């Protein structure tokens, strides 16, 4: 539990974003992925980078006045595909089996 709280604090500092019960959505997803999939340090860094790229795309789209509802589903799908590319076969299976846990993020 201590480790999970430390991770959440770290992710909140990095990703901020939409607050839900005091935690950024990206931080929640990353914490859940770390727990569910037993991510290695390397995988975690790659996934954090993918989330950061997603956040930058979201920010750029918002600043350009683009229609967020049209652009974000494709960006979320791309992020999901990137995450899957960093996982081993067992982790991919677990990710797909647990997708309902992450649906608030990936299916908005």
PDB file of N, CA and C in Angstrom:
ATOM      1  N   UNK A   1       0.817  -1.184   0.000  1.00  0.00           N
ATOM      2  CA  UNK A   1       0.000   0.000   0.000  1.00  0.00           C
ATOM      3  C   UNK A   1       0.870   1.262   0.000  1.00  0.00           C
ATOM      4  N   UNK A   2       1.931   1.244   0.768  1.00  0.00           N
ATOM      5  CA  UNK A   2       2.839   2.389   0.824  1.00  0.00           C
ATOM      6  C   UNK A   2       3.396   2.686  -0.566  1.00  0.00           C
ATOM      7  N   UNK A   3       3.827   1.627  -1.261  1.00  0.00           N
ATOM      8  CA  UNK A   3       4.389   1.778  -2.599  1.00  0.00           C
ATOM      9  C   UNK A   3       3.357   2.389  -3.546  1.00  0.00           C
ATOM     10  N   UNK A   4       2.123   1.914  -3.474  1.00  0.00           N
ATOM     11  CA  UNK A   4       1.063   2.435  -4.343  1.00  0.00           C
ATOM     12  C   UNK A   4       0.825   3.921  -4.074  1.00  0.00           C
ATOM     13  N   UNK A   5       0.847   4.325  -2.798  1.00  0.00           N
ATOM     14  CA  UNK A   5       0.652   5.742  -2.469  1.00  0.00           C
ATOM     15  C   UNK A   5       1.798   6.592  -3.002  1.00  0.00           C
ATOM     16  N   UNK A   6       3.024   6.084  -2.906  1.00  0.00           N
ATOM     17  CA  UNK A   6       4.183   6.811  -3.429  1.00  0.00           C
ATOM     18  C   UNK A   6       4.073   6.968  -4.945  1.00  0.00           C
ATOM     19  N   UNK A   7       3.663   5.904  -5.622  1.00  0.00           N
ATOM     20  CA  UNK A   7       3.493   5.956  -7.075  1.00  0.00           C
ATOM     21  C   UNK A   7       2.433   6.989  -7.432  1.00  0.00           C
ATOM     22  N   UNK A   8       1.301   6.962  -6.717  1.00  0.00           N
ATOM     23  CA  UNK A   8       0.229   7.911  -7.013  1.00  0.00           C
ATOM     24  C   UNK A   8       0.713   9.352  -6.839  1.00  0.00           C
ATOM     25  N   UNK A   9       1.454   9.609  -5.774  1.00  0.00           N
ATOM     26  CA  UNK A   9       1.979  10.955  -5.571  1.00  0.00           C
ATOM     27  C   UNK A   9       2.896  11.380  -6.696  1.00  0.00           C
ATOM     28  N   UNK A  10       3.752  10.473  -7.125  1.00  0.00           N
ATOM     29  CA  UNK A  10       4.676  10.744  -8.223  1.00  0.00           C
ATOM     30  C   UNK A  10       3.910  11.027  -9.512  1.00  0.00           C
ATOM     31  N   UNK A  11       2.933  10.176  -9.830  1.00  0.00           N
ATOM     32  CA  UNK A  11       2.158  10.352 -11.053  1.00  0.00           C
ATOM     33  C   UNK A  11       1.344  11.641 -11.016  1.00  0.00           C
ATOM     34  N   UNK A  12       0.788  11.963  -9.866  1.00  0.00           N
ATOM     35  CA  UNK A  12       0.019  13.201  -9.753  1.00  0.00           C
ATOM     36  C   UNK A  12       0.890  14.411 -10.032  1.00  0.00           C
ATOM     37  N   UNK A  13       2.126  14.390  -9.557  1.00  0.00           N
ATOM     38  CA  UNK A  13       3.036  15.504  -9.812  1.00  0.00           C
ATOM     39  C   UNK A  13       3.353  15.619 -11.297  1.00  0.00           C
ATOM     40  N   UNK A  14       3.557  14.488 -11.943  1.00  0.00           N
ATOM     41  CA  UNK A  14       3.929  14.491 -13.357  1.00  0.00           C
ATOM     42  C   UNK A  14       2.753  14.835 -14.255  1.00  0.00           C
ATOM     43  N   UNK A  15       1.614  14.175 -14.029  1.00  0.00           N
ATOM     44  CA  UNK A  15       0.520  14.260 -14.983  1.00  0.00           C
ATOM     45  C   UNK A  15      -0.588  15.224 -14.616  1.00  0.00           C
ATOM     46  N   UNK A  16      -0.765  15.483 -13.335  1.00  0.00           N
ATOM     47  CA  UNK A  16      -1.840  16.402 -12.958  1.00  0.00           C
ATOM     48  C   UNK A  16      -3.115  16.037 -13.674  1.00  0.00           C
ATOM     49  N   UNK A  17      -3.581  16.922 -14.521  1.00  0.00           N
ATOM     50  CA  UNK A  17      -4.722  16.619 -15.360  1.00  0.00           C
ATOM     51  C   UNK A  17      -6.036  16.685 -14.609  1.00  0.00           C
ATOM     52  N   UNK A  18      -7.068  16.144 -15.212  1.00  0.00           N
ATOM     53  CA  UNK A  18      -8.404  16.142 -14.636  1.00  0.00           C
ATOM     54  C   UNK A  18      -8.369  15.478 -13.274  1.00  0.00           C
ATOM     55  N   UNK A  19      -8.916  16.141 -12.308  1.00  0.00           N
ATOM     56  CA  UNK A  19      -8.902  15.613 -10.951  1.00  0.00           C
ATOM     57  C   UNK A  19     -10.143  14.768 -10.701  1.00  0.00           C
ATOM     58  N   UNK A  20      -9.936  13.631 -10.127  1.00  0.00           N
ATOM     59  CA  UNK A  20     -11.024  12.751  -9.740  1.00  0.00           C
ATOM     60  C   UNK A  20     -10.656  12.208  -8.373  1.00  0.00           C
ATOM     61  N   UNK A  21     -11.376  12.635  -7.360  1.00  0.00           N
ATOM     62  CA  UNK A  21     -11.078  12.266  -5.984  1.00  0.00           C
ATOM     63  C   UNK A  21      -9.628  12.598  -5.635  1.00  0.00           C
ATOM     64  N   UNK A  22      -9.152  13.756  -6.127  1.00  0.00           N
ATOM     65  CA  UNK A  22      -7.822  14.226  -5.785  1.00  0.00           C
ATOM     66  C   UNK A  22      -6.695  13.593  -6.577  1.00  0.00           C
ATOM     67  N   UNK A  23      -7.004  12.770  -7.555  1.00  0.00           N
ATOM     68  CA  UNK A  23      -5.959  12.104  -8.328  1.00  0.00           C
ATOM     69  C   UNK A  23      -6.184  12.380  -9.808  1.00  0.00           C
ATOM     70  N   UNK A  24      -5.106  12.621 -10.534  1.00  0.00           N
ATOM     71  CA  UNK A  24      -5.224  12.792 -11.969  1.00  0.00           C
ATOM     72  C   UNK A  24      -5.625  11.479 -12.617  1.00  0.00           C
ATOM     73  N   UNK A  25      -6.422  11.571 -13.674  1.00  0.00           N
ATOM     74  CA  UNK A  25      -6.896  10.362 -14.361  1.00  0.00           C
ATOM     75  C   UNK A  25      -5.728   9.516 -14.857  1.00  0.00           C
ATOM     76  N   UNK A  26      -4.723  10.148 -15.450  1.00  0.00           N
ATOM     77  CA  UNK A  26      -3.571   9.387 -15.942  1.00  0.00           C
ATOM     78  C   UNK A  26      -2.855   8.691 -14.796  1.00  0.00           C
ATOM     79  N   UNK A  27      -2.739   9.376 -13.679  1.00  0.00           N
ATOM     80  CA  UNK A  27      -2.081   8.776 -12.516  1.00  0.00           C
ATOM     81  C   UNK A  27      -2.852   7.566 -12.024  1.00  0.00           C
ATOM     82  N   UNK A  28      -4.172   7.664 -12.041  1.00  0.00           N
ATOM     83  CA  UNK A  28      -4.993   6.524 -11.622  1.00  0.00           C
ATOM     84  C   UNK A  28      -4.777   5.330 -12.547  1.00  0.00           C
ATOM     85  N   UNK A  29      -4.798   5.592 -13.840  1.00  0.00           N
ATOM     86  CA  UNK A  29      -4.622   4.506 -14.808  1.00  0.00           C
ATOM     87  C   UNK A  29      -3.236   3.892 -14.660  1.00  0.00           C
ATOM     88  N   UNK A  30      -2.213   4.720 -14.550  1.00  0.00           N
ATOM     89  CA  UNK A  30      -0.850   4.200 -14.408  1.00  0.00           C
ATOM     90  C   UNK A  30      -0.690   3.375 -13.138  1.00  0.00           C
ATOM     91  N   UNK A  31      -1.268   3.830 -12.071  1.00  0.00           N
ATOM     92  CA  UNK A  31      -1.198   3.073 -10.824  1.00  0.00           C
ATOM     93  C   UNK A  31      -1.903   1.731 -10.974  1.00  0.00           C
ATOM     94  N   UNK A  32      -3.069   1.759 -11.600  1.00  0.00           N
ATOM     95  CA  UNK A  32      -3.829   0.519 -11.803  1.00  0.00           C
ATOM     96  C   UNK A  32      -3.066  -0.437 -12.713  1.00  0.00           C
ATOM     97  N   UNK A  33      -2.478   0.080 -13.785  1.00  0.00           N
ATOM     98  CA  UNK A  33      -1.696  -0.763 -14.693  1.00  0.00           C
ATOM     99  C   UNK A  33      -0.501  -1.375 -13.977  1.00  0.00           C
ATOM    100  N   UNK A  34       0.175  -0.572 -13.176  1.00  0.00           N
ATOM    101  CA  UNK A  34       1.340  -1.059 -12.436  1.00  0.00           C
ATOM    102  C   UNK A  34       0.947  -2.213 -11.531  1.00  0.00           C
ATOM    103  N   UNK A  35      -0.167  -2.061 -10.843  1.00  0.00           N
ATOM    104  CA  UNK A  35      -0.649  -3.099  -9.936  1.00  0.00           C
ATOM    105  C   UNK A  35      -1.125  -4.329 -10.703  1.00  0.00           C
ATOM    106  N   UNK A  36      -1.967  -4.114 -11.706  1.00  0.00           N
ATOM    107  CA  UNK A  36      -2.577  -5.228 -12.433  1.00  0.00           C
ATOM    108  C   UNK A  36      -1.572  -6.039 -13.234  1.00  0.00           C
ATOM    109  N   UNK A  37      -0.606  -5.356 -13.832  1.00  0.00           N
ATOM    110  CA  UNK A  37       0.271  -6.009 -14.808  1.00  0.00           C
ATOM    111  C   UNK A  37       1.677  -6.272 -14.298  1.00  0.00           C
ATOM    112  N   UNK A  38       1.970  -5.833 -13.083  1.00  0.00           N
ATOM    113  CA  UNK A  38       3.314  -6.018 -12.526  1.00  0.00           C
ATOM    114  C   UNK A  38       4.364  -5.503 -13.520  1.00  0.00           C
ATOM    115  N   UNK A  39       4.244  -4.245 -13.862  1.00  0.00           N
ATOM    116  CA  UNK A  39       5.125  -3.639 -14.860  1.00  0.00           C
ATOM    117  C   UNK A  39       6.563  -3.554 -14.365  1.00  0.00           C
ATOM    118  N   UNK A  40       7.488  -3.755 -15.288  1.00  0.00           N
ATOM    119  CA  UNK A  40       8.902  -3.541 -14.972  1.00  0.00           C
ATOM    120  C   UNK A  40       9.165  -2.037 -14.989  1.00  0.00           C
ATOM    121  N   UNK A  41      10.297  -1.637 -14.478  1.00  0.00           N
ATOM    122  CA  UNK A  41      10.668  -0.226 -14.492  1.00  0.00           C
ATOM    123  C   UNK A  41      10.738   0.324 -15.907  1.00  0.00           C
ATOM    124  N   UNK A  42      11.286  -0.473 -16.819  1.00  0.00           N
ATOM    125  CA  UNK A  42      11.402  -0.054 -18.213  1.00  0.00           C
ATOM    126  C   UNK A  42      10.019   0.129 -18.842  1.00  0.00           C
ATOM    127  N   UNK A  43       9.127  -0.822 -18.598  1.00  0.00           N
ATOM    128  CA  UNK A  43       7.776  -0.715 -19.140  1.00  0.00           C
ATOM    129  C   UNK A  43       7.067   0.514 -18.578  1.00  0.00           C
ATOM    130  N   UNK A  44       7.226   0.738 -17.301  1.00  0.00           N
ATOM    131  CA  UNK A  44       6.585   1.879 -16.660  1.00  0.00           C
ATOM    132  C   UNK A  44       7.074   3.192 -17.271  1.00  0.00           C
ATOM    133  N   UNK A  45       8.364   3.301 -17.495  1.00  0.00           N
ATOM    134  CA  UNK A  45       8.912   4.520 -18.107  1.00  0.00           C
ATOM    135  C   UNK A  45       8.351   4.728 -19.513  1.00  0.00           C
ATOM    136  N   UNK A  46       8.259   3.658 -20.292  1.00  0.00           N
ATOM    137  CA  UNK A  46       7.720   3.764 -21.652  1.00  0.00           C
ATOM    138  C   UNK A  46       6.255   4.179 -21.632  1.00  0.00           C
ATOM    139  N   UNK A  47       5.494   3.605 -20.704  1.00  0.00           N
ATOM    140  CA  UNK A  47       4.075   3.936 -20.614  1.00  0.00           C
ATOM    141  C   UNK A  47       3.891   5.372 -20.127  1.00  0.00           C
ATOM    142  N   UNK A  48       4.703   5.801 -19.173  1.00  0.00           N
ATOM    143  CA  UNK A  48       4.634   7.195 -18.716  1.00  0.00           C
ATOM    144  C   UNK A  48       4.917   8.141 -19.878  1.00  0.00           C
ATOM    145  N   UNK A  49       5.896   7.792 -20.698  1.00  0.00           N
ATOM    146  CA  UNK A  49       6.228   8.617 -21.854  1.00  0.00           C
ATOM    147  C   UNK A  49       5.054   8.674 -22.832  1.00  0.00           C
ATOM    148  N   UNK A  50       4.400   7.539 -23.046  1.00  0.00           N
ATOM    149  CA  UNK A  50       3.242   7.500 -23.944  1.00  0.00           C
ATOM    150  C   UNK A  50       2.111   8.374 -23.403  1.00  0.00           C
ATOM    151  N   UNK A  51       1.878   8.330 -22.093  1.00  0.00           N
ATOM    152  CA  UNK A  51       0.857   9.190 -21.488  1.00  0.00           C
ATOM    153  C   UNK A  51       1.229  10.659 -21.634  1.00  0.00           C
ATOM    154  N   UNK A  52       2.500  10.971 -21.482  1.00  0.00           N
ATOM    155  CA  UNK A  52       2.942  12.359 -21.625  1.00  0.00           C
ATOM    156  C   UNK A  52       2.705  12.846 -23.055  1.00  0.00           C
ATOM    157  N   UNK A  53       2.997  11.999 -24.036  1.00  0.00           N
ATOM    158  CA  UNK A  53       2.742  12.360 -25.431  1.00  0.00           C
ATOM    159  C   UNK A  53       1.252  12.587 -25.669  1.00  0.00           C
ATOM    160  N   UNK A  54       0.429  11.716 -25.072  1.00  0.00           N
ATOM    161  CA  UNK A  54      -1.021  11.874 -25.191  1.00  0.00           C
ATOM    162  C   UNK A  54      -1.460  13.211 -24.598  1.00  0.00           C
ATOM    163  N   UNK A  55      -0.930  13.520 -23.439  1.00  0.00           N
ATOM    164  CA  UNK A  55      -1.289  14.775 -22.768  1.00  0.00           C
ATOM    165  C   UNK A  55      -0.897  15.978 -23.628  1.00  0.00           C
ATOM    166  N   UNK A  56       0.266  15.905 -24.257  1.00  0.00           N
ATOM    167  CA  UNK A  56       0.709  16.999 -25.123  1.00  0.00           C
ATOM    168  C   UNK A  56      -0.196  17.136 -26.344  1.00  0.00           C
ATOM    169  N   UNK A  57      -0.632  16.012 -26.910  1.00  0.00           N
ATOM    170  CA  UNK A  57      -1.560  16.059 -28.048  1.00  0.00           C
ATOM    171  C   UNK A  57      -2.879  16.685 -27.631  1.00  0.00           C
ATOM    172  N   UNK A  58      -3.352  16.288 -26.458  1.00  0.00           N
ATOM    173  CA  UNK A  58      -4.611  16.825 -25.944  1.00  0.00           C
ATOM    174  C   UNK A  58      -4.506  18.337 -25.741  1.00  0.00           C
ATOM    175  N   UNK A  59      -3.402  18.767 -25.174  1.00  0.00           N
ATOM    176  CA  UNK A  59      -3.186  20.195 -24.925  1.00  0.00           C
ATOM    177  C   UNK A  59      -3.112  20.963 -26.243  1.00  0.00           C
ATOM    178  N   UNK A  60      -2.373  20.425 -27.215  1.00  0.00           N
ATOM    179  CA  UNK A  60      -2.240  21.090 -28.514  1.00  0.00           C
ATOM    180  C   UNK A  60      -3.590  21.184 -29.218  1.00  0.00           C
ATOM    181  N   UNK A  61      -4.374  20.116 -29.151  1.00  0.00           N
ATOM    182  CA  UNK A  61      -5.693  20.131 -29.783  1.00  0.00           C
ATOM    183  C   UNK A  61      -6.592  21.168 -29.123  1.00  0.00           C
ATOM    184  N   UNK A  62      -6.525  21.237 -27.816  1.00  0.00           N
ATOM    185  CA  UNK A  62      -7.345  22.199 -27.074  1.00  0.00           C
ATOM    186  C   UNK A  62      -6.945  23.629 -27.415  1.00  0.00           C
ATOM    187  N   UNK A  63      -5.642  23.882 -27.478  1.00  0.00           N
ATOM    188  CA  UNK A  63      -5.149  25.230 -27.783  1.00  0.00           C
ATOM    189  C   UNK A  63      -5.450  25.651 -29.212  1.00  0.00           C
ATOM    190  N   UNK A  64      -5.520  24.688 -30.120  1.00  0.00           N
ATOM    191  CA  UNK A  64      -5.787  25.014 -31.521  1.00  0.00           C
ATOM    192  C   UNK A  64      -7.276  25.212 -31.792  1.00  0.00           C
ATOM    193  N   UNK A  65      -8.092  24.935 -30.785  1.00  0.00           N
ATOM    194  CA  UNK A  65      -9.532  25.084 -30.968  1.00  0.00           C
ATOM    195  C   UNK A  65     -10.158  23.913 -31.696  1.00  0.00           C
ATOM    196  N   UNK A  66      -9.426  22.824 -31.797  1.00  0.00           N
ATOM    197  CA  UNK A  66      -9.925  21.637 -32.493  1.00  0.00           C
ATOM    198  C   UNK A  66     -11.093  21.028 -31.725  1.00  0.00           C
ATOM    199  N   UNK A  67     -11.885  20.269 -32.436  1.00  0.00           N
ATOM    200  CA  UNK A  67     -13.001  19.569 -31.812  1.00  0.00           C
ATOM    201  C   UNK A  67     -12.454  18.376 -31.031  1.00  0.00           C
ATOM    202  N   UNK A  68     -12.407  18.523 -29.717  1.00  0.00           N
ATOM    203  CA  UNK A  68     -11.815  17.498 -28.855  1.00  0.00           C
ATOM    204  C   UNK A  68     -12.575  16.173 -28.943  1.00  0.00           C
ATOM    205  N   UNK A  69     -13.897  16.239 -29.062  1.00  0.00           N
ATOM    206  CA  UNK A  69     -14.693  15.010 -29.115  1.00  0.00           C
ATOM    207  C   UNK A  69     -14.374  14.190 -30.359  1.00  0.00           C
ATOM    208  N   UNK A  70     -13.945  14.853 -31.409  1.00  0.00           N
ATOM    209  CA  UNK A  70     -13.593  14.144 -32.637  1.00  0.00           C
ATOM    210  C   UNK A  70     -12.168  13.601 -32.586  1.00  0.00           C
ATOM    211  N   UNK A  71     -11.252  14.345 -31.995  1.00  0.00           N
ATOM    212  CA  UNK A  71      -9.842  13.968 -32.030  1.00  0.00           C
ATOM    213  C   UNK A  71      -9.413  13.013 -30.923  1.00  0.00           C
ATOM    214  N   UNK A  72     -10.007  13.121 -29.770  1.00  0.00           N
ATOM    215  CA  UNK A  72      -9.519  12.353 -28.624  1.00  0.00           C
ATOM    216  C   UNK A  72      -9.745  10.844 -28.711  1.00  0.00           C
ATOM    217  N   UNK A  73     -10.845  10.354 -29.284  1.00  0.00           N
ATOM    218  CA  UNK A  73     -10.966   8.891 -29.379  1.00  0.00           C
ATOM    219  C   UNK A  73      -9.813   8.242 -30.150  1.00  0.00           C
ATOM    220  N   UNK A  74      -9.391   8.860 -31.233  1.00  0.00           N
ATOM    221  CA  UNK A  74      -8.270   8.315 -32.004  1.00  0.00           C
ATOM    222  C   UNK A  74      -6.975   8.393 -31.203  1.00  0.00           C
ATOM    223  N   UNK A  75      -6.795   9.483 -30.474  1.00  0.00           N
ATOM    224  CA  UNK A  75      -5.586   9.630 -29.652  1.00  0.00           C
ATOM    225  C   UNK A  75      -5.575   8.605 -28.521  1.00  0.00           C
ATOM    226  N   UNK A  76      -6.736   8.359 -27.919  1.00  0.00           N
ATOM    227  CA  UNK A  76      -6.818   7.341 -26.860  1.00  0.00           C
ATOM    228  C   UNK A  76      -6.528   5.950 -27.416  1.00  0.00           C
ATOM    229  N   UNK A  77      -7.056   5.662 -28.600  1.00  0.00           N
ATOM    230  CA  UNK A  77      -6.806   4.365 -29.224  1.00  0.00           C
ATOM    231  C   UNK A  77      -5.318   4.198 -29.516  1.00  0.00           C
ATOM    232  N   UNK A  78      -4.679   5.251 -29.984  1.00  0.00           N
ATOM    233  CA  UNK A  78      -3.246   5.197 -30.251  1.00  0.00           C
ATOM    234  C   UNK A  78      -2.473   4.936 -28.960  1.00  0.00           C
ATOM    235  N   UNK A  79      -2.866   5.589 -27.882  1.00  0.00           N
ATOM    236  CA  UNK A  79      -2.221   5.374 -26.589  1.00  0.00           C
ATOM    237  C   UNK A  79      -2.399   3.924 -26.143  1.00  0.00           C
ATOM    238  N   UNK A  80      -3.594   3.406 -26.290  1.00  0.00           N
ATOM    239  CA  UNK A  80      -3.871   2.012 -25.915  1.00  0.00           C
ATOM    240  C   UNK A  80      -2.981   1.057 -26.711  1.00  0.00           C
ATOM    241  N   UNK A  81      -2.838   1.308 -27.999  1.00  0.00           N
ATOM    242  CA  UNK A  81      -1.982   0.469 -28.843  1.00  0.00           C
ATOM    243  C   UNK A  81      -0.516   0.581 -28.428  1.00  0.00           C
ATOM    244  N   UNK A  82      -0.086   1.784 -28.065  1.00  0.00           N
ATOM    245  CA  UNK A  82       1.291   1.961 -27.592  1.00  0.00           C
ATOM    246  C   UNK A  82       1.514   1.163 -26.311  1.00  0.00           C
ATOM    247  N   UNK A  83       0.580   1.258 -25.390  1.00  0.00           N
ATOM    248  CA  UNK A  83       0.708   0.515 -24.137  1.00  0.00           C
ATOM    249  C   UNK A  83       0.818  -0.977 -24.426  1.00  0.00           C
ATOM    250  N   UNK A  84      -0.057  -1.486 -25.272  1.00  0.00           N
ATOM    251  CA  UNK A  84      -0.015  -2.915 -25.609  1.00  0.00           C
ATOM    252  C   UNK A  84       1.326  -3.310 -26.218  1.00  0.00           C
ATOM    253  N   UNK A  85       1.930  -2.413 -26.979  1.00  0.00           N
ATOM    254  CA  UNK A  85       3.212  -2.737 -27.621  1.00  0.00           C
ATOM    255  C   UNK A  85       4.348  -2.883 -26.610  1.00  0.00           C
ATOM    256  N   UNK A  86       4.177  -2.328 -25.414  1.00  0.00           N
ATOM    257  CA  UNK A  86       5.212  -2.409 -24.381  1.00  0.00           C
ATOM    258  C   UNK A  86       5.055  -3.637 -23.481  1.00  0.00           C
ATOM    259  N   UNK A  87       3.960  -4.362 -23.635  1.00  0.00           N
ATOM    260  CA  UNK A  87       3.648  -5.474 -22.735  1.00  0.00           C
ATOM    261  C   UNK A  87       4.040  -6.818 -23.330  1.00  0.00           C
ATOM    262  N   UNK A  88       4.313  -7.779 -22.445  1.00  0.00           N
ATOM    263  CA  UNK A  88       4.534  -9.144 -22.917  1.00  0.00           C
ATOM    264  C   UNK A  88       3.169  -9.805 -23.119  1.00  0.00           C
ATOM    265  N   UNK A  89       3.159 -11.015 -23.652  1.00  0.00           N
ATOM    266  CA  UNK A  89       1.897 -11.670 -23.991  1.00  0.00           C
ATOM    267  C   UNK A  89       0.982 -11.858 -22.779  1.00  0.00           C
ATOM    268  N   UNK A  90       1.539 -12.246 -21.657  1.00  0.00           N
ATOM    269  CA  UNK A  90       0.733 -12.447 -20.450  1.00  0.00           C
ATOM    270  C   UNK A  90       0.117 -11.124 -19.980  1.00  0.00           C
ATOM    271  N   UNK A  91       0.904 -10.065 -20.034  1.00  0.00           N
ATOM    272  CA  UNK A  91       0.411  -8.751 -19.620  1.00  0.00           C
ATOM    273  C   UNK A  91      -0.665  -8.239 -20.580  1.00  0.00           C
ATOM    274  N   UNK A  92      -0.482  -8.493 -21.879  1.00  0.00           N
ATOM    275  CA  UNK A  92      -1.495  -8.084 -22.857  1.00  0.00           C
ATOM    276  C   UNK A  92      -2.827  -8.756 -22.555  1.00  0.00           C
ATOM    277  N   UNK A  93      -2.762 -10.035 -22.234  1.00  0.00           N
ATOM    278  CA  UNK A  93      -3.974 -10.789 -21.910  1.00  0.00           C
ATOM    279  C   UNK A  93      -4.663 -10.181 -20.679  1.00  0.00           C
ATOM    280  N   UNK A  94      -3.878  -9.876 -19.655  1.00  0.00           N
ATOM    281  CA  UNK A  94      -4.434  -9.270 -18.439  1.00  0.00           C
ATOM    282  C   UNK A  94      -5.007  -7.882 -18.733  1.00  0.00           C
ATOM    283  N   UNK A  95      -4.297  -7.108 -19.552  1.00  0.00           N
ATOM    284  CA  UNK A  95      -4.771  -5.769 -19.911  1.00  0.00           C
ATOM    285  C   UNK A  95      -6.134  -5.863 -20.589  1.00  0.00           C
ATOM    286  N   UNK A  96      -6.241  -6.745 -21.558  1.00  0.00           N
ATOM    287  CA  UNK A  96      -7.510  -6.896 -22.284  1.00  0.00           C
ATOM    288  C   UNK A  96      -8.617  -7.415 -21.366  1.00  0.00           C
ATOM    289  N   UNK A  97      -8.269  -8.325 -20.467  1.00  0.00           N
ATOM    290  CA  UNK A  97      -9.261  -8.872 -19.535  1.00  0.00           C
ATOM    291  C   UNK A  97      -9.751  -7.815 -18.551  1.00  0.00           C
ATOM    292  N   UNK A  98      -8.902  -6.855 -18.237  1.00  0.00           N
ATOM    293  CA  UNK A  98      -9.237  -5.820 -17.253  1.00  0.00           C
ATOM    294  C   UNK A  98      -9.602  -4.483 -17.884  1.00  0.00           C
ATOM    295  N   UNK A  99      -9.839  -4.458 -19.177  1.00  0.00           N
ATOM    296  CA  UNK A  99     -10.068  -3.187 -19.869  1.00  0.00           C
ATOM    297  C   UNK A  99     -11.225  -2.403 -19.252  1.00  0.00           C
ATOM    298  N   UNK A 100     -12.172  -3.100 -18.650  1.00  0.00           N
ATOM    299  CA  UNK A 100     -13.297  -2.388 -18.030  1.00  0.00           C
ATOM    300  C   UNK A 100     -12.827  -1.479 -16.892  1.00  0.00           C
ATOM    301  N   UNK A 101     -11.716  -1.812 -16.251  1.00  0.00           N
ATOM    302  CA  UNK A 101     -11.167  -0.953 -15.194  1.00  0.00           C
ATOM    303  C   UNK A 101     -10.667   0.371 -15.758  1.00  0.00           C
ATOM    304  N   UNK A 102     -10.257   0.344 -17.002  1.00  0.00           N
ATOM    305  CA  UNK A 102      -9.644   1.516 -17.622  1.00  0.00           C
ATOM    306  C   UNK A 102     -10.599   2.233 -18.575  1.00  0.00           C
ATOM    307  N   UNK A 103     -11.824   1.722 -18.706  1.00  0.00           N
ATOM    308  CA  UNK A 103     -12.740   2.237 -19.726  1.00  0.00           C
ATOM    309  C   UNK A 103     -13.054   3.718 -19.570  1.00  0.00           C
ATOM    310  N   UNK A 104     -13.065   4.216 -18.325  1.00  0.00           N
ATOM    311  CA  UNK A 104     -13.353   5.638 -18.139  1.00  0.00           C
ATOM    312  C   UNK A 104     -12.351   6.510 -18.880  1.00  0.00           C
ATOM    313  N   UNK A 105     -11.151   6.014 -19.028  1.00  0.00           N
ATOM    314  CA  UNK A 105     -10.132   6.773 -19.747  1.00  0.00           C
ATOM    315  C   UNK A 105     -10.153   6.460 -21.241  1.00  0.00           C
ATOM    316  N   UNK A 106     -10.143   5.175 -21.590  1.00  0.00           N
ATOM    317  CA  UNK A 106      -9.969   4.787 -22.986  1.00  0.00           C
ATOM    318  C   UNK A 106     -11.236   4.879 -23.824  1.00  0.00           C
ATOM    319  N   UNK A 107     -12.403   4.983 -23.204  1.00  0.00           N
ATOM    320  CA  UNK A 107     -13.635   4.984 -23.988  1.00  0.00           C
ATOM    321  C   UNK A 107     -14.443   6.257 -23.850  1.00  0.00           C
ATOM    322  N   UNK A 108     -13.819   7.334 -23.466  1.00  0.00           N
ATOM    323  CA  UNK A 108     -14.531   8.620 -23.379  1.00  0.00           C
ATOM    324  C   UNK A 108     -14.754   9.174 -24.751  1.00  0.00           C
TER     325      UNK A 108
END
